[in-house]
Amino acid sequence: DEGDEGVQIVAPDEYDQIFGDGSDIPELPDDSAVSPTQAECIKKFNDALDAVKIACCGTCREEGFHIKLKNSGECGRCHADKRDTKLWSDGNNVNPSNQRPECLKNLTDMEEMLIARVKPVMQVRWTRG
Protein backbone atom coordinates (compact mmCIF):
# COMPACT_ATOMS: atom_id res chain seq x y z
CA ASP A 1 0.00 0.00 0.00
CA GLU A 2 1.32 3.48 -0.89
CA GLY A 3 0.52 4.91 2.51
CA ASP A 4 2.64 2.36 4.38
CA GLU A 5 5.77 3.69 6.00
CA GLY A 6 8.97 2.63 4.27
CA VAL A 7 7.28 1.74 0.98
CA GLN A 8 8.58 3.57 -2.04
CA ILE A 9 7.01 3.30 -5.45
CA VAL A 10 9.47 3.84 -8.29
CA ALA A 11 8.39 4.38 -11.86
CA PRO A 12 9.91 1.88 -14.31
CA ASP A 13 13.02 3.20 -15.98
CA GLU A 14 12.57 3.39 -19.75
CA TYR A 15 16.22 2.37 -20.29
CA ASP A 16 15.81 -0.89 -18.35
CA GLN A 17 14.03 -2.35 -21.38
CA ILE A 18 17.04 -1.51 -23.58
CA PHE A 19 20.03 -2.08 -21.29
CA GLY A 20 18.52 -4.34 -18.65
CA ASP A 21 18.01 -3.70 -14.96
CA GLY A 22 21.28 -5.25 -13.80
CA SER A 23 19.76 -8.47 -12.50
CA ASP A 24 21.78 -10.44 -15.05
CA ILE A 25 25.12 -9.19 -13.67
CA PRO A 26 26.62 -11.82 -11.38
CA GLU A 27 27.63 -10.91 -7.86
CA LEU A 28 31.35 -10.42 -7.44
CA PRO A 29 33.08 -12.61 -4.89
CA ASP A 30 34.14 -11.12 -1.59
CA ASP A 31 37.65 -12.46 -2.11
CA SER A 32 40.24 -9.85 -2.97
CA ALA A 33 42.47 -10.26 -6.00
CA VAL A 34 45.54 -9.54 -3.84
CA SER A 35 46.78 -11.44 -0.85
CA PRO A 36 46.76 -9.83 2.61
CA THR A 37 50.56 -9.44 2.40
CA GLN A 38 50.28 -7.68 -0.96
CA ALA A 39 47.46 -5.49 0.35
CA GLU A 40 49.65 -4.42 3.28
CA CYS A 41 52.51 -3.56 0.90
CA ILE A 42 50.15 -1.51 -1.27
CA LYS A 43 48.87 0.32 1.82
CA LYS A 44 52.42 1.08 3.00
CA PHE A 45 53.31 2.34 -0.48
CA ASN A 46 50.25 4.62 -0.60
CA ASP A 47 51.01 5.92 2.91
CA ALA A 48 54.61 6.67 1.86
CA LEU A 49 53.37 8.55 -1.21
CA ASP A 50 50.99 10.57 0.95
CA ALA A 51 53.89 11.49 3.26
CA VAL A 52 55.98 12.97 0.43
CA LYS A 53 55.87 16.75 0.57
CA ILE A 54 57.31 19.34 -1.80
CA ALA A 55 59.45 21.89 0.06
CA CYS A 56 59.92 25.45 -1.20
CA CYS A 57 62.72 27.82 -0.21
CA GLY A 58 61.37 31.21 0.81
CA THR A 59 64.35 33.05 -0.68
CA CYS A 60 65.24 31.45 -4.04
CA ARG A 61 61.82 29.80 -4.55
CA GLU A 62 63.44 26.47 -5.44
CA GLU A 63 60.99 23.62 -5.01
CA GLY A 64 61.52 19.90 -4.72
CA PHE A 65 61.31 16.73 -2.69
CA HIS A 66 65.00 16.77 -1.88
CA ILE A 67 65.22 20.27 -0.37
CA LYS A 68 65.93 20.40 3.34
CA LEU A 69 64.75 23.71 4.77
CA LYS A 70 66.51 25.32 7.72
CA ASN A 71 64.55 26.91 10.59
CA SER A 72 64.57 30.21 8.67
CA GLY A 73 62.59 28.60 5.82
CA GLU A 74 65.60 28.74 3.50
CA CYS A 75 67.45 26.01 1.66
CA GLY A 76 71.05 25.27 2.61
CA ARG A 77 72.48 27.38 -0.24
CA CYS A 78 70.48 30.50 0.70
CA HIS A 79 71.08 29.96 4.41
CA ALA A 80 74.86 29.85 3.81
CA ASP A 81 74.76 33.07 1.73
CA LYS A 82 75.59 35.82 4.25
CA ARG A 83 75.24 38.79 1.88
CA ASP A 84 72.69 41.53 2.56
CA THR A 85 71.00 40.80 -0.77
CA LYS A 86 71.15 37.09 -1.26
CA LEU A 87 72.37 35.88 -4.65
CA TRP A 88 69.22 33.96 -5.68
CA SER A 89 66.64 36.21 -4.00
CA ASP A 90 63.92 38.48 -5.39
CA GLY A 91 66.00 41.45 -4.26
CA ASN A 92 68.68 40.51 -6.78
CA ASN A 93 66.12 40.35 -9.64
CA VAL A 94 67.06 36.79 -10.57
CA ASN A 95 63.78 35.12 -9.68
CA PRO A 96 61.23 35.48 -12.49
CA SER A 97 58.63 33.32 -10.75
CA ASN A 98 56.82 36.31 -9.22
CA GLN A 99 55.61 37.56 -12.61
CA ARG A 100 53.17 34.92 -13.82
CA PRO A 101 50.50 35.62 -16.40
CA GLU A 102 46.99 35.42 -15.01
CA CYS A 103 46.19 32.33 -17.10
CA LEU A 104 49.05 30.40 -15.44
CA LYS A 105 48.37 31.22 -11.79
CA ASN A 106 46.01 28.37 -10.89
CA LEU A 107 47.70 25.44 -12.60
CA THR A 108 48.06 22.12 -10.82
CA ASP A 109 51.52 20.60 -10.36
CA MET A 110 50.83 18.18 -13.20
CA GLU A 111 49.78 20.97 -15.57
CA GLU A 112 52.95 22.91 -14.72
CA MET A 113 55.07 19.86 -15.50
CA LEU A 114 53.28 19.35 -18.81
CA ILE A 115 53.99 22.87 -20.08
CA ALA A 116 57.47 23.23 -18.58
CA ARG A 117 60.32 23.80 -20.98
CA VAL A 118 62.45 20.72 -20.87
CA LYS A 119 65.75 20.10 -22.60
CA PRO A 120 66.31 16.37 -22.46
CA VAL A 121 69.89 15.22 -22.76
CA MET A 122 70.80 11.66 -23.49
CA GLN A 123 73.89 9.74 -24.34
CA VAL A 124 73.77 7.52 -27.42
CA ARG A 125 76.29 4.73 -27.84
CA TRP A 126 76.69 2.69 -30.97
CA THR A 127 77.89 -0.87 -30.69
CA ARG A 128 78.52 -3.44 -33.35
CA GLY A 129 76.61 -6.65 -33.51
C-alpha atoms as a PDB file:
ATOM      1  CA  ASP A   1       0.000   0.000   0.000  1.00  0.00           C
ATOM      2  CA  GLU A   2       1.321   3.476  -0.894  1.00  0.00           C
ATOM      3  CA  GLY A   3       0.524   4.912   2.515  1.00  0.00           C
ATOM      4  CA  ASP A   4       2.642   2.357   4.385  1.00  0.00           C
ATOM      5  CA  GLU A   5       5.768   3.691   5.996  1.00  0.00           C
ATOM      6  CA  GLY A   6       8.973   2.633   4.265  1.00  0.00           C
ATOM      7  CA  VAL A   7       7.277   1.742   0.981  1.00  0.00           C
ATOM      8  CA  GLN A   8       8.580   3.568  -2.040  1.00  0.00           C
ATOM      9  CA  ILE A   9       7.012   3.298  -5.448  1.00  0.00           C
ATOM     10  CA  VAL A  10       9.469   3.838  -8.286  1.00  0.00           C
ATOM     11  CA  ALA A  11       8.385   4.376 -11.861  1.00  0.00           C
ATOM     12  CA  PRO A  12       9.908   1.882 -14.307  1.00  0.00           C
ATOM     13  CA  ASP A  13      13.023   3.195 -15.983  1.00  0.00           C
ATOM     14  CA  GLU A  14      12.570   3.387 -19.751  1.00  0.00           C
ATOM     15  CA  TYR A  15      16.220   2.375 -20.290  1.00  0.00           C
ATOM     16  CA  ASP A  16      15.814  -0.887 -18.353  1.00  0.00           C
ATOM     17  CA  GLN A  17      14.033  -2.352 -21.377  1.00  0.00           C
ATOM     18  CA  ILE A  18      17.038  -1.507 -23.581  1.00  0.00           C
ATOM     19  CA  PHE A  19      20.027  -2.077 -21.288  1.00  0.00           C
ATOM     20  CA  GLY A  20      18.518  -4.337 -18.649  1.00  0.00           C
ATOM     21  CA  ASP A  21      18.013  -3.696 -14.956  1.00  0.00           C
ATOM     22  CA  GLY A  22      21.282  -5.246 -13.796  1.00  0.00           C
ATOM     23  CA  SER A  23      19.757  -8.472 -12.496  1.00  0.00           C
ATOM     24  CA  ASP A  24      21.780 -10.438 -15.052  1.00  0.00           C
ATOM     25  CA  ILE A  25      25.118  -9.188 -13.667  1.00  0.00           C
ATOM     26  CA  PRO A  26      26.624 -11.821 -11.382  1.00  0.00           C
ATOM     27  CA  GLU A  27      27.632 -10.912  -7.857  1.00  0.00           C
ATOM     28  CA  LEU A  28      31.352 -10.419  -7.442  1.00  0.00           C
ATOM     29  CA  PRO A  29      33.081 -12.615  -4.889  1.00  0.00           C
ATOM     30  CA  ASP A  30      34.136 -11.120  -1.585  1.00  0.00           C
ATOM     31  CA  ASP A  31      37.646 -12.462  -2.114  1.00  0.00           C
ATOM     32  CA  SER A  32      40.240  -9.847  -2.968  1.00  0.00           C
ATOM     33  CA  ALA A  33      42.474 -10.263  -5.997  1.00  0.00           C
ATOM     34  CA  VAL A  34      45.535  -9.536  -3.839  1.00  0.00           C
ATOM     35  CA  SER A  35      46.780 -11.442  -0.854  1.00  0.00           C
ATOM     36  CA  PRO A  36      46.763  -9.826   2.609  1.00  0.00           C
ATOM     37  CA  THR A  37      50.558  -9.435   2.400  1.00  0.00           C
ATOM     38  CA  GLN A  38      50.281  -7.676  -0.955  1.00  0.00           C
ATOM     39  CA  ALA A  39      47.458  -5.492   0.348  1.00  0.00           C
ATOM     40  CA  GLU A  40      49.651  -4.423   3.281  1.00  0.00           C
ATOM     41  CA  CYS A  41      52.507  -3.564   0.898  1.00  0.00           C
ATOM     42  CA  ILE A  42      50.147  -1.515  -1.265  1.00  0.00           C
ATOM     43  CA  LYS A  43      48.868   0.316   1.819  1.00  0.00           C
ATOM     44  CA  LYS A  44      52.425   1.083   3.001  1.00  0.00           C
ATOM     45  CA  PHE A  45      53.312   2.343  -0.477  1.00  0.00           C
ATOM     46  CA  ASN A  46      50.253   4.624  -0.604  1.00  0.00           C
ATOM     47  CA  ASP A  47      51.013   5.923   2.908  1.00  0.00           C
ATOM     48  CA  ALA A  48      54.606   6.667   1.861  1.00  0.00           C
ATOM     49  CA  LEU A  49      53.369   8.548  -1.211  1.00  0.00           C
ATOM     50  CA  ASP A  50      50.989  10.574   0.954  1.00  0.00           C
ATOM     51  CA  ALA A  51      53.893  11.485   3.261  1.00  0.00           C
ATOM     52  CA  VAL A  52      55.984  12.972   0.430  1.00  0.00           C
ATOM     53  CA  LYS A  53      55.874  16.754   0.567  1.00  0.00           C
ATOM     54  CA  ILE A  54      57.306  19.342  -1.805  1.00  0.00           C
ATOM     55  CA  ALA A  55      59.449  21.885   0.059  1.00  0.00           C
ATOM     56  CA  CYS A  56      59.924  25.454  -1.202  1.00  0.00           C
ATOM     57  CA  CYS A  57      62.725  27.825  -0.209  1.00  0.00           C
ATOM     58  CA  GLY A  58      61.369  31.214   0.807  1.00  0.00           C
ATOM     59  CA  THR A  59      64.352  33.052  -0.681  1.00  0.00           C
ATOM     60  CA  CYS A  60      65.243  31.451  -4.035  1.00  0.00           C
ATOM     61  CA  ARG A  61      61.824  29.799  -4.550  1.00  0.00           C
ATOM     62  CA  GLU A  62      63.438  26.467  -5.445  1.00  0.00           C
ATOM     63  CA  GLU A  63      60.986  23.615  -5.013  1.00  0.00           C
ATOM     64  CA  GLY A  64      61.525  19.901  -4.724  1.00  0.00           C
ATOM     65  CA  PHE A  65      61.305  16.734  -2.693  1.00  0.00           C
ATOM     66  CA  HIS A  66      65.005  16.768  -1.884  1.00  0.00           C
ATOM     67  CA  ILE A  67      65.215  20.268  -0.365  1.00  0.00           C
ATOM     68  CA  LYS A  68      65.930  20.399   3.342  1.00  0.00           C
ATOM     69  CA  LEU A  69      64.746  23.706   4.770  1.00  0.00           C
ATOM     70  CA  LYS A  70      66.507  25.324   7.717  1.00  0.00           C
ATOM     71  CA  ASN A  71      64.549  26.906  10.590  1.00  0.00           C
ATOM     72  CA  SER A  72      64.573  30.206   8.671  1.00  0.00           C
ATOM     73  CA  GLY A  73      62.588  28.597   5.821  1.00  0.00           C
ATOM     74  CA  GLU A  74      65.604  28.740   3.503  1.00  0.00           C
ATOM     75  CA  CYS A  75      67.449  26.008   1.660  1.00  0.00           C
ATOM     76  CA  GLY A  76      71.052  25.270   2.607  1.00  0.00           C
ATOM     77  CA  ARG A  77      72.483  27.379  -0.241  1.00  0.00           C
ATOM     78  CA  CYS A  78      70.478  30.495   0.700  1.00  0.00           C
ATOM     79  CA  HIS A  79      71.084  29.961   4.411  1.00  0.00           C
ATOM     80  CA  ALA A  80      74.858  29.849   3.812  1.00  0.00           C
ATOM     81  CA  ASP A  81      74.758  33.065   1.733  1.00  0.00           C
ATOM     82  CA  LYS A  82      75.591  35.816   4.250  1.00  0.00           C
ATOM     83  CA  ARG A  83      75.237  38.793   1.879  1.00  0.00           C
ATOM     84  CA  ASP A  84      72.690  41.529   2.565  1.00  0.00           C
ATOM     85  CA  THR A  85      71.000  40.803  -0.766  1.00  0.00           C
ATOM     86  CA  LYS A  86      71.148  37.088  -1.264  1.00  0.00           C
ATOM     87  CA  LEU A  87      72.372  35.883  -4.647  1.00  0.00           C
ATOM     88  CA  TRP A  88      69.220  33.960  -5.678  1.00  0.00           C
ATOM     89  CA  SER A  89      66.638  36.212  -4.004  1.00  0.00           C
ATOM     90  CA  ASP A  90      63.924  38.475  -5.395  1.00  0.00           C
ATOM     91  CA  GLY A  91      65.999  41.453  -4.255  1.00  0.00           C
ATOM     92  CA  ASN A  92      68.682  40.508  -6.783  1.00  0.00           C
ATOM     93  CA  ASN A  93      66.123  40.347  -9.639  1.00  0.00           C
ATOM     94  CA  VAL A  94      67.057  36.786 -10.567  1.00  0.00           C
ATOM     95  CA  ASN A  95      63.777  35.120  -9.678  1.00  0.00           C
ATOM     96  CA  PRO A  96      61.230  35.483 -12.495  1.00  0.00           C
ATOM     97  CA  SER A  97      58.630  33.320 -10.748  1.00  0.00           C
ATOM     98  CA  ASN A  98      56.821  36.307  -9.218  1.00  0.00           C
ATOM     99  CA  GLN A  99      55.613  37.563 -12.613  1.00  0.00           C
ATOM    100  CA  ARG A 100      53.166  34.921 -13.823  1.00  0.00           C
ATOM    101  CA  PRO A 101      50.500  35.616 -16.401  1.00  0.00           C
ATOM    102  CA  GLU A 102      46.987  35.418 -15.013  1.00  0.00           C
ATOM    103  CA  CYS A 103      46.192  32.332 -17.096  1.00  0.00           C
ATOM    104  CA  LEU A 104      49.051  30.396 -15.444  1.00  0.00           C
ATOM    105  CA  LYS A 105      48.365  31.224 -11.789  1.00  0.00           C
ATOM    106  CA  ASN A 106      46.010  28.366 -10.887  1.00  0.00           C
ATOM    107  CA  LEU A 107      47.704  25.437 -12.602  1.00  0.00           C
ATOM    108  CA  THR A 108      48.063  22.124 -10.821  1.00  0.00           C
ATOM    109  CA  ASP A 109      51.524  20.598 -10.359  1.00  0.00           C
ATOM    110  CA  MET A 110      50.829  18.179 -13.198  1.00  0.00           C
ATOM    111  CA  GLU A 111      49.784  20.973 -15.567  1.00  0.00           C
ATOM    112  CA  GLU A 112      52.954  22.914 -14.716  1.00  0.00           C
ATOM    113  CA  MET A 113      55.073  19.862 -15.505  1.00  0.00           C
ATOM    114  CA  LEU A 114      53.280  19.346 -18.814  1.00  0.00           C
ATOM    115  CA  ILE A 115      53.987  22.870 -20.078  1.00  0.00           C
ATOM    116  CA  ALA A 116      57.472  23.235 -18.579  1.00  0.00           C
ATOM    117  CA  ARG A 117      60.325  23.800 -20.980  1.00  0.00           C
ATOM    118  CA  VAL A 118      62.446  20.719 -20.873  1.00  0.00           C
ATOM    119  CA  LYS A 119      65.747  20.099 -22.597  1.00  0.00           C
ATOM    120  CA  PRO A 120      66.315  16.373 -22.457  1.00  0.00           C
ATOM    121  CA  VAL A 121      69.892  15.223 -22.764  1.00  0.00           C
ATOM    122  CA  MET A 122      70.801  11.661 -23.490  1.00  0.00           C
ATOM    123  CA  GLN A 123      73.893   9.743 -24.341  1.00  0.00           C
ATOM    124  CA  VAL A 124      73.768   7.524 -27.423  1.00  0.00           C
ATOM    125  CA  ARG A 125      76.293   4.733 -27.841  1.00  0.00           C
ATOM    126  CA  TRP A 126      76.694   2.694 -30.975  1.00  0.00           C
ATOM    127  CA  THR A 127      77.892  -0.865 -30.693  1.00  0.00           C
ATOM    128  CA  ARG A 128      78.517  -3.437 -33.347  1.00  0.00           C
ATOM    129  CA  GLY A 129      76.611  -6.654 -33.509  1.00  0.00           C
END
